[in-house]
């Protein structure tokens, strides 16, 4: 459940981000890179290890939920479709 909490916290940060107050002054000769200015604390959260662990944990949670509900994956689908086309030359 720790992973789910961390994922929810990350989601909340991205959806409802609050500005960071930075008390820093720099004198530069060139324009700063836009991306550098947009970096935030949430970037520290999204590491390859966190992504891998989150993937494993959410898959395990999904399997547990299906098992407890006594249903198969196909029963969770609400829409779908298929088609078959014959290509003639």
Protein backbone atom coordinates (compact mmCIF):
# COMPACT_ATOMS: atom_id res chain seq x y z
CA UNK A 1 0.00 0.00 0.00
CA UNK A 2 2.99 2.30 0.38
CA UNK A 3 3.38 2.38 -3.41
CA UNK A 4 -0.27 3.29 -3.90
CA UNK A 5 0.09 6.15 -1.40
CA UNK A 6 3.23 7.39 -3.17
CA UNK A 7 1.51 7.19 -6.55
CA UNK A 8 -1.50 9.10 -5.20
CA UNK A 9 0.79 11.74 -3.68
CA UNK A 10 2.60 12.08 -7.03
CA UNK A 11 -0.72 12.35 -8.86
CA UNK A 12 -1.95 15.01 -6.43
CA UNK A 13 1.29 16.97 -6.81
CA UNK A 14 1.04 16.91 -10.59
CA UNK A 15 -2.67 17.72 -10.63
CA UNK A 16 -2.66 20.33 -7.88
CA UNK A 17 0.91 21.54 -7.87
CA UNK A 18 1.82 24.43 -5.68
CA UNK A 19 4.56 26.88 -6.57
CA UNK A 20 7.84 26.52 -4.78
CA UNK A 21 9.11 29.68 -3.11
CA UNK A 22 12.77 30.06 -3.94
CA UNK A 23 14.75 32.76 -2.23
CA UNK A 24 17.68 32.92 -4.59
CA UNK A 25 19.16 35.55 -6.80
CA UNK A 26 21.55 34.88 -9.64
CA UNK A 27 23.26 37.13 -12.11
CA UNK A 28 23.64 35.39 -15.44
CA UNK A 29 24.94 36.42 -18.82
CA UNK A 30 22.52 34.20 -20.75
CA UNK A 31 18.86 33.29 -20.56
CA UNK A 32 18.29 30.33 -18.21
CA UNK A 33 16.97 27.13 -19.73
CA UNK A 34 13.20 26.92 -19.38
CA UNK A 35 13.30 23.30 -18.29
CA UNK A 36 15.75 24.07 -15.50
CA UNK A 37 13.31 26.63 -14.15
CA UNK A 38 10.44 24.14 -14.25
CA UNK A 39 12.21 21.39 -12.31
CA UNK A 40 10.49 20.56 -9.07
CA UNK A 41 10.73 18.21 -6.13
CA UNK A 42 8.44 15.65 -7.78
CA UNK A 43 11.22 14.85 -10.24
CA UNK A 44 13.13 13.20 -7.39
CA UNK A 45 10.22 10.79 -6.91
CA UNK A 46 10.11 9.47 -10.46
CA UNK A 47 13.17 7.26 -10.52
CA UNK A 48 13.50 4.08 -12.59
CA UNK A 49 13.34 2.08 -9.36
CA UNK A 50 10.10 3.80 -8.30
CA UNK A 51 8.53 3.19 -11.71
CA UNK A 52 9.51 -0.51 -11.66
CA UNK A 53 8.28 -1.00 -8.09
CA UNK A 54 5.04 0.84 -8.83
CA UNK A 55 4.44 -1.32 -11.89
CA UNK A 56 4.99 -4.54 -9.92
CA UNK A 57 2.87 -3.41 -6.96
CA UNK A 58 -0.08 -2.16 -9.00
CA UNK A 59 -0.13 -5.39 -11.05
CA UNK A 60 -0.14 -7.41 -7.82
CA UNK A 61 -2.94 -5.26 -6.42
CA UNK A 62 -4.95 -5.70 -9.65
CA UNK A 63 -4.56 -9.50 -9.50
CA UNK A 64 -5.62 -9.51 -5.85
CA UNK A 65 -8.69 -7.39 -6.58
CA UNK A 66 -9.73 -9.71 -9.43
CA UNK A 67 -9.24 -12.78 -7.26
CA UNK A 68 -11.22 -11.33 -4.35
CA UNK A 69 -14.02 -10.30 -6.71
CA UNK A 70 -14.00 -13.76 -8.31
CA UNK A 71 -13.88 -12.38 -11.83
CA UNK A 72 -11.59 -12.62 -14.82
CA UNK A 73 -9.88 -9.78 -16.63
CA UNK A 74 -12.31 -10.07 -19.55
CA UNK A 75 -15.16 -9.25 -17.16
CA UNK A 76 -13.63 -5.85 -16.41
CA UNK A 77 -13.88 -4.68 -20.01
CA UNK A 78 -16.75 -2.33 -20.77
CA UNK A 79 -16.15 -1.88 -24.48
CA UNK A 80 -14.23 -3.46 -27.26
CA UNK A 81 -14.43 -4.55 -30.79
CA UNK A 82 -12.77 -6.24 -33.68
CA UNK A 83 -12.95 -6.33 -37.41
CA UNK A 84 -11.81 -8.49 -40.28
CA UNK A 85 -10.94 -7.12 -43.69
CA UNK A 86 -10.16 -9.00 -46.87
CA UNK A 87 -7.62 -7.28 -49.04
CA UNK A 88 -7.85 -8.24 -52.69
CA UNK A 89 -5.41 -7.35 -55.39
